Amino acid sequence: MHLAYPAVLSALLFCTGLYGVLARRNAILVLMSVELMLNAVNLNLVAFDVWLSRTAQETLHSGQALTLFTIAIAAAEIGIGLAIVLAVHRNRGTSDIDKLRDTAEGPETDGPGGEAGAAEPDAEKAEATA
């Protein structure tokens, strides 16, 4: 089999995963898209390992060994990622990435004289007149 077939399939999988990461709002779907991208990389590693082993006399199969490490790391990553998503969903009530980004930035203030800065000058004026 030619090297082009798995390379094209891997590129399509990676582009699909990249679209999922950039377009999706749900954190679980983003994690699934990251896993799809990692599987595309694994396919490339195995395909190039097979292709290079045909030309070399000694076959070390380093691409397949790297694929096993990548699968193990991806399993740990998805476990930790799902635990974080579940904890955030319990605390915030949503797994929408845009809403989580807004809550991480904190409350907006209008500067001095706005909502947050209005209470302090009034308290200072009351102390000065007392």
N, C-alpha and C. Protein backbone atom coordinates (compact mmCIF):
# COMPACT_ATOMS: atom_id res chain seq x y z
N MET A 1 0.85 -1.18 0.00
CA MET A 1 0.00 0.00 0.00
C MET A 1 0.89 1.24 0.00
N HIS A 2 0.45 2.24 -0.68
CA HIS A 2 1.21 3.48 -0.77
C HIS A 2 1.10 4.28 0.52
N LEU A 3 2.06 5.14 0.74
CA LEU A 3 2.06 5.98 1.94
C LEU A 3 1.02 7.09 1.84
N ALA A 4 0.59 7.40 0.62
CA ALA A 4 -0.34 8.52 0.44
C ALA A 4 -1.71 8.25 1.06
N TYR A 5 -2.17 7.02 1.06
CA TYR A 5 -3.51 6.72 1.57
C TYR A 5 -3.65 7.01 3.06
N PRO A 6 -2.78 6.47 3.90
CA PRO A 6 -2.92 6.82 5.32
C PRO A 6 -2.57 8.28 5.61
N ALA A 7 -1.71 8.87 4.81
CA ALA A 7 -1.37 10.28 5.04
C ALA A 7 -2.56 11.18 4.73
N VAL A 8 -3.29 10.89 3.67
CA VAL A 8 -4.48 11.68 3.33
C VAL A 8 -5.57 11.46 4.38
N LEU A 9 -5.77 10.22 4.79
CA LEU A 9 -6.76 9.94 5.83
C LEU A 9 -6.39 10.64 7.13
N SER A 10 -5.13 10.64 7.47
CA SER A 10 -4.67 11.31 8.68
C SER A 10 -4.89 12.82 8.59
N ALA A 11 -4.62 13.39 7.42
CA ALA A 11 -4.84 14.83 7.25
C ALA A 11 -6.32 15.18 7.37
N LEU A 12 -7.19 14.33 6.82
CA LEU A 12 -8.63 14.58 6.94
C LEU A 12 -9.09 14.46 8.39
N LEU A 13 -8.59 13.46 9.12
CA LEU A 13 -8.95 13.32 10.53
C LEU A 13 -8.46 14.52 11.34
N PHE A 14 -7.24 14.96 11.06
CA PHE A 14 -6.69 16.08 11.81
C PHE A 14 -7.47 17.37 11.52
N CYS A 15 -7.83 17.59 10.26
CA CYS A 15 -8.61 18.79 9.91
C CYS A 15 -10.00 18.74 10.53
N THR A 16 -10.61 17.56 10.59
CA THR A 16 -11.91 17.42 11.23
C THR A 16 -11.81 17.74 12.72
N GLY A 17 -10.76 17.23 13.37
CA GLY A 17 -10.54 17.53 14.78
C GLY A 17 -10.25 19.00 15.03
N LEU A 18 -9.48 19.61 14.15
CA LEU A 18 -9.18 21.04 14.28
C LEU A 18 -10.44 21.88 14.14
N TYR A 19 -11.30 21.52 13.19
CA TYR A 19 -12.57 22.22 13.04
C TYR A 19 -13.42 22.06 14.30
N GLY A 20 -13.42 20.87 14.87
CA GLY A 20 -14.18 20.63 16.09
C GLY A 20 -13.67 21.46 17.26
N VAL A 21 -12.36 21.61 17.36
CA VAL A 21 -11.81 22.42 18.45
C VAL A 21 -12.16 23.89 18.27
N LEU A 22 -12.10 24.37 17.05
CA LEU A 22 -12.33 25.80 16.80
C LEU A 22 -13.81 26.17 16.76
N ALA A 23 -14.68 25.25 16.36
CA ALA A 23 -16.08 25.61 16.14
C ALA A 23 -17.01 25.23 17.28
N ARG A 24 -16.65 24.25 18.07
CA ARG A 24 -17.57 23.76 19.10
C ARG A 24 -17.53 24.62 20.35
N ARG A 25 -18.64 24.63 21.06
CA ARG A 25 -18.76 25.39 22.30
C ARG A 25 -18.78 24.48 23.52
N ASN A 26 -19.14 23.23 23.33
CA ASN A 26 -19.23 22.30 24.44
C ASN A 26 -17.85 21.74 24.75
N ALA A 27 -17.48 21.70 26.02
CA ALA A 27 -16.14 21.28 26.41
C ALA A 27 -15.91 19.80 26.13
N ILE A 28 -16.93 18.98 26.23
CA ILE A 28 -16.76 17.55 25.97
C ILE A 28 -16.52 17.31 24.48
N LEU A 29 -17.20 18.04 23.63
CA LEU A 29 -16.96 17.90 22.19
C LEU A 29 -15.58 18.40 21.81
N VAL A 30 -15.08 19.41 22.51
CA VAL A 30 -13.71 19.89 22.26
C VAL A 30 -12.71 18.80 22.65
N LEU A 31 -12.93 18.13 23.79
CA LEU A 31 -12.04 17.04 24.18
C LEU A 31 -12.09 15.89 23.17
N MET A 32 -13.26 15.60 22.64
CA MET A 32 -13.36 14.56 21.62
C MET A 32 -12.62 14.94 20.35
N SER A 33 -12.65 16.22 20.00
CA SER A 33 -11.94 16.68 18.82
C SER A 33 -10.43 16.61 19.02
N VAL A 34 -9.97 16.89 20.22
CA VAL A 34 -8.54 16.75 20.52
C VAL A 34 -8.12 15.29 20.41
N GLU A 35 -8.96 14.38 20.87
CA GLU A 35 -8.66 12.95 20.74
C GLU A 35 -8.61 12.54 19.27
N LEU A 36 -9.48 13.11 18.45
CA LEU A 36 -9.45 12.81 17.02
C LEU A 36 -8.15 13.28 16.40
N MET A 37 -7.67 14.43 16.82
CA MET A 37 -6.39 14.94 16.32
C MET A 37 -5.23 14.03 16.76
N LEU A 38 -5.27 13.55 18.00
CA LEU A 38 -4.22 12.65 18.47
C LEU A 38 -4.25 11.33 17.70
N ASN A 39 -5.43 10.84 17.36
CA ASN A 39 -5.51 9.61 16.57
C ASN A 39 -4.98 9.81 15.16
N ALA A 40 -5.14 10.99 14.61
CA ALA A 40 -4.56 11.28 13.30
C ALA A 40 -3.03 11.24 13.38
N VAL A 41 -2.48 11.76 14.44
CA VAL A 41 -1.03 11.72 14.64
C VAL A 41 -0.57 10.27 14.80
N ASN A 42 -1.33 9.47 15.54
CA ASN A 42 -0.98 8.06 15.72
C ASN A 42 -0.98 7.31 14.39
N LEU A 43 -1.95 7.60 13.56
CA LEU A 43 -2.00 6.97 12.24
C LEU A 43 -0.78 7.33 11.41
N ASN A 44 -0.36 8.59 11.47
CA ASN A 44 0.85 9.01 10.76
C ASN A 44 2.09 8.31 11.30
N LEU A 45 2.19 8.19 12.61
CA LEU A 45 3.35 7.53 13.21
C LEU A 45 3.46 6.08 12.74
N VAL A 46 2.37 5.36 12.76
CA VAL A 46 2.40 3.96 12.35
C VAL A 46 2.66 3.84 10.85
N ALA A 47 2.04 4.70 10.04
CA ALA A 47 2.22 4.62 8.59
C ALA A 47 3.67 4.91 8.21
N PHE A 48 4.26 5.93 8.80
CA PHE A 48 5.65 6.23 8.48
C PHE A 48 6.60 5.17 9.04
N ASP A 49 6.25 4.55 10.16
CA ASP A 49 7.07 3.48 10.69
C ASP A 49 7.09 2.29 9.75
N VAL A 50 5.94 1.92 9.22
CA VAL A 50 5.87 0.81 8.27
C VAL A 50 6.62 1.17 6.99
N TRP A 51 6.47 2.39 6.54
CA TRP A 51 7.14 2.81 5.31
C TRP A 51 8.66 2.83 5.47
N LEU A 52 9.13 3.31 6.61
CA LEU A 52 10.57 3.35 6.83
C LEU A 52 11.15 1.98 7.14
N SER A 53 10.37 1.09 7.71
CA SER A 53 10.89 -0.24 8.03
C SER A 53 11.11 -1.07 6.76
N ARG A 54 10.42 -0.74 5.70
CA ARG A 54 10.64 -1.45 4.44
C ARG A 54 12.00 -1.09 3.83
N THR A 55 12.46 0.12 4.07
CA THR A 55 13.73 0.55 3.49
C THR A 55 14.92 0.23 4.38
N ALA A 56 14.72 0.15 5.68
CA ALA A 56 15.83 -0.12 6.59
C ALA A 56 16.00 -1.63 6.81
N GLN A 57 17.22 -2.05 7.05
CA GLN A 57 17.47 -3.46 7.31
C GLN A 57 17.03 -3.85 8.72
N GLU A 58 17.35 -3.00 9.68
CA GLU A 58 16.95 -3.25 11.06
C GLU A 58 15.64 -2.53 11.33
N THR A 59 14.68 -3.26 11.83
CA THR A 59 13.39 -2.64 12.11
C THR A 59 13.25 -2.44 13.60
N LEU A 60 13.24 -1.21 14.01
CA LEU A 60 13.11 -0.87 15.42
C LEU A 60 11.67 -0.62 15.82
N HIS A 61 10.84 -0.27 14.87
CA HIS A 61 9.43 0.03 15.11
C HIS A 61 9.27 1.14 16.16
N SER A 62 10.03 2.18 16.01
CA SER A 62 9.94 3.29 16.97
C SER A 62 8.64 4.06 16.81
N GLY A 63 8.07 4.10 15.61
CA GLY A 63 6.79 4.77 15.42
C GLY A 63 5.67 4.09 16.17
N GLN A 64 5.69 2.77 16.20
CA GLN A 64 4.66 2.04 16.93
C GLN A 64 4.84 2.20 18.43
N ALA A 65 6.08 2.27 18.89
CA ALA A 65 6.33 2.49 20.32
C ALA A 65 5.86 3.89 20.73
N LEU A 66 6.12 4.88 19.88
CA LEU A 66 5.65 6.23 20.17
C LEU A 66 4.12 6.29 20.17
N THR A 67 3.50 5.50 19.30
CA THR A 67 2.04 5.45 19.26
C THR A 67 1.48 4.89 20.57
N LEU A 68 2.12 3.86 21.11
CA LEU A 68 1.66 3.31 22.39
C LEU A 68 1.78 4.34 23.51
N PHE A 69 2.88 5.09 23.54
CA PHE A 69 3.02 6.15 24.54
C PHE A 69 1.97 7.24 24.35
N THR A 70 1.69 7.58 23.10
CA THR A 70 0.69 8.61 22.82
C THR A 70 -0.70 8.16 23.26
N ILE A 71 -1.01 6.89 23.05
CA ILE A 71 -2.31 6.37 23.47
C ILE A 71 -2.43 6.40 24.99
N ALA A 72 -1.36 6.03 25.68
CA ALA A 72 -1.38 6.05 27.15
C ALA A 72 -1.54 7.47 27.68
N ILE A 73 -0.82 8.41 27.09
CA ILE A 73 -0.92 9.81 27.52
C ILE A 73 -2.30 10.37 27.20
N ALA A 74 -2.86 9.99 26.05
CA ALA A 74 -4.20 10.46 25.68
C ALA A 74 -5.26 9.93 26.62
N ALA A 75 -5.09 8.69 27.08
CA ALA A 75 -6.05 8.12 28.04
C ALA A 75 -6.00 8.88 29.36
N ALA A 76 -4.81 9.20 29.81
CA ALA A 76 -4.69 9.98 31.05
C ALA A 76 -5.24 11.38 30.86
N GLU A 77 -4.99 11.96 29.71
CA GLU A 77 -5.46 13.33 29.42
C GLU A 77 -6.98 13.39 29.37
N ILE A 78 -7.62 12.40 28.78
CA ILE A 78 -9.07 12.43 28.69
C ILE A 78 -9.69 12.18 30.05
N GLY A 79 -9.05 11.37 30.88
CA GLY A 79 -9.57 11.16 32.23
C GLY A 79 -9.52 12.41 33.07
N ILE A 80 -8.39 13.10 33.03
CA ILE A 80 -8.26 14.36 33.78
C ILE A 80 -9.15 15.44 33.18
N GLY A 81 -9.23 15.50 31.86
CA GLY A 81 -10.08 16.50 31.21
C GLY A 81 -11.55 16.32 31.55
N LEU A 82 -12.03 15.09 31.54
CA LEU A 82 -13.42 14.84 31.90
C LEU A 82 -13.70 15.15 33.37
N ALA A 83 -12.72 14.87 34.23
CA ALA A 83 -12.89 15.21 35.65
C ALA A 83 -13.00 16.72 35.83
N ILE A 84 -12.19 17.47 35.11
CA ILE A 84 -12.25 18.93 35.21
C ILE A 84 -13.57 19.45 34.66
N VAL A 85 -14.01 18.90 33.52
CA VAL A 85 -15.28 19.34 32.93
C VAL A 85 -16.44 19.04 33.87
N LEU A 86 -16.46 17.86 34.49
CA LEU A 86 -17.53 17.53 35.43
C LEU A 86 -17.51 18.43 36.66
N ALA A 87 -16.33 18.74 37.18
CA ALA A 87 -16.24 19.63 38.34
C ALA A 87 -16.71 21.04 37.99
N VAL A 88 -16.34 21.53 36.81
CA VAL A 88 -16.79 22.86 36.40
C VAL A 88 -18.28 22.86 36.15
N HIS A 89 -18.81 21.78 35.58
CA HIS A 89 -20.25 21.71 35.33
C HIS A 89 -21.05 21.69 36.63
N ARG A 90 -20.51 21.02 37.64
CA ARG A 90 -21.19 21.00 38.93
C ARG A 90 -21.18 22.37 39.60
N ASN A 91 -20.06 23.09 39.47
CA ASN A 91 -19.95 24.40 40.12
C ASN A 91 -20.68 25.50 39.36
N ARG A 92 -20.56 25.51 38.04
CA ARG A 92 -21.11 26.61 37.25
C ARG A 92 -22.45 26.29 36.62
N GLY A 93 -22.76 25.01 36.45
CA GLY A 93 -24.04 24.64 35.85
C GLY A 93 -24.02 24.60 34.33
N THR A 94 -22.87 24.78 33.71
CA THR A 94 -22.77 24.73 32.26
C THR A 94 -21.38 24.26 31.87
N SER A 95 -21.31 23.68 30.67
CA SER A 95 -20.01 23.32 30.12
C SER A 95 -19.74 24.10 28.84
N ASP A 96 -20.48 25.19 28.63
CA ASP A 96 -20.29 26.05 27.48
C ASP A 96 -19.00 26.85 27.67
N ILE A 97 -18.11 26.76 26.72
CA ILE A 97 -16.78 27.36 26.85
C ILE A 97 -16.87 28.89 26.88
N ASP A 98 -17.75 29.47 26.07
CA ASP A 98 -17.85 30.94 26.06
C ASP A 98 -18.35 31.49 27.39
N LYS A 99 -19.30 30.81 28.01
CA LYS A 99 -19.79 31.28 29.32
C LYS A 99 -18.73 31.10 30.39
N LEU A 100 -17.94 30.04 30.30
CA LEU A 100 -16.87 29.84 31.28
C LEU A 100 -15.77 30.87 31.11
N ARG A 101 -15.51 31.27 29.89
CA ARG A 101 -14.50 32.30 29.64
C ARG A 101 -14.95 33.64 30.22
N ASP A 102 -16.24 33.95 30.11
CA ASP A 102 -16.76 35.20 30.65
C ASP A 102 -16.68 35.22 32.18
N THR A 103 -16.92 34.11 32.84
CA THR A 103 -16.86 34.09 34.29
C THR A 103 -15.42 34.12 34.79
N ALA A 104 -14.47 33.68 34.00
CA ALA A 104 -13.07 33.69 34.42
C ALA A 104 -12.49 35.10 34.40
N GLU A 105 -13.03 35.97 33.56
CA GLU A 105 -12.51 37.33 33.46
C GLU A 105 -12.95 38.21 34.62
N GLY A 106 -13.97 37.84 35.33
CA GLY A 106 -14.43 38.61 36.46
C GLY A 106 -15.44 39.66 36.06
N PRO A 107 -15.99 40.39 37.06
CA PRO A 107 -17.01 41.40 36.75
C PRO A 107 -16.38 42.61 36.06
N GLU A 108 -17.13 43.18 35.15
CA GLU A 108 -16.65 44.36 34.45
C GLU A 108 -16.93 45.60 35.29
N THR A 109 -15.98 46.52 35.30
CA THR A 109 -16.16 47.79 36.00
C THR A 109 -16.06 48.92 34.99
N ASP A 110 -16.77 49.97 35.28
CA ASP A 110 -16.75 51.12 34.39
C ASP A 110 -15.66 52.12 34.77
N GLY A 111 -14.80 51.76 35.68
CA GLY A 111 -13.75 52.68 36.12
C GLY A 111 -14.23 53.47 37.32
N PRO A 112 -13.59 54.59 37.65
CA PRO A 112 -14.04 55.40 38.79
C PRO A 112 -15.40 56.00 38.49
N GLY A 113 -16.29 55.89 39.46
CA GLY A 113 -17.64 56.41 39.27
C GLY A 113 -18.58 55.37 38.71
N GLY A 114 -18.05 54.19 38.35
CA GLY A 114 -18.89 53.11 37.84
C GLY A 114 -19.50 52.35 39.00
N GLU A 115 -19.96 51.15 38.72
CA GLU A 115 -20.61 50.36 39.76
C GLU A 115 -19.66 50.02 40.89
N ALA A 116 -18.47 49.55 40.56
CA ALA A 116 -17.55 49.08 41.60
C ALA A 116 -16.89 50.25 42.32
N GLY A 117 -16.62 51.34 41.64
CA GLY A 117 -15.91 52.45 42.26
C GLY A 117 -16.81 53.45 42.94
N ALA A 118 -18.12 53.31 42.84
CA ALA A 118 -19.03 54.32 43.38
C ALA A 118 -19.16 54.23 44.90
N ALA A 119 -19.00 53.06 45.48
CA ALA A 119 -19.22 52.92 46.91
C ALA A 119 -18.09 53.54 47.72
N GLU A 120 -16.89 53.50 47.25
CA GLU A 120 -15.76 54.00 48.02
C GLU A 120 -15.75 55.53 48.15
N PRO A 121 -15.98 56.31 47.10
CA PRO A 121 -15.97 57.77 47.31
C PRO A 121 -17.09 58.23 48.23
N ASP A 122 -18.28 57.58 48.20
CA ASP A 122 -19.37 57.97 49.08
C ASP A 122 -19.00 57.70 50.54
N ALA A 123 -18.32 56.59 50.78
CA ALA A 123 -17.90 56.28 52.14
C ALA A 123 -16.85 57.26 52.62
N GLU A 124 -15.95 57.69 51.74
CA GLU A 124 -14.92 58.65 52.11
C GLU A 124 -15.55 60.03 52.40
N LYS A 125 -16.56 60.43 51.65
CA LYS A 125 -17.24 61.69 51.89
C LYS A 125 -17.97 61.67 53.24
N ALA A 126 -18.59 60.53 53.58
CA ALA A 126 -19.32 60.42 54.84
C ALA A 126 -18.35 60.49 56.01
N GLU A 127 -17.17 59.92 55.89
CA GLU A 127 -16.18 59.98 56.96
C GLU A 127 -15.61 61.39 57.10
N ALA A 128 -15.48 62.09 55.98
CA ALA A 128 -14.90 63.44 56.02
C ALA A 128 -15.85 64.43 56.68
N THR A 129 -17.16 64.25 56.49
CA THR A 129 -18.11 65.18 57.08
C THR A 129 -18.41 64.87 58.52
N ALA A 130 -18.11 63.66 58.99
CA ALA A 130 -18.43 63.27 60.36
C ALA A 130 -17.47 63.80 61.35
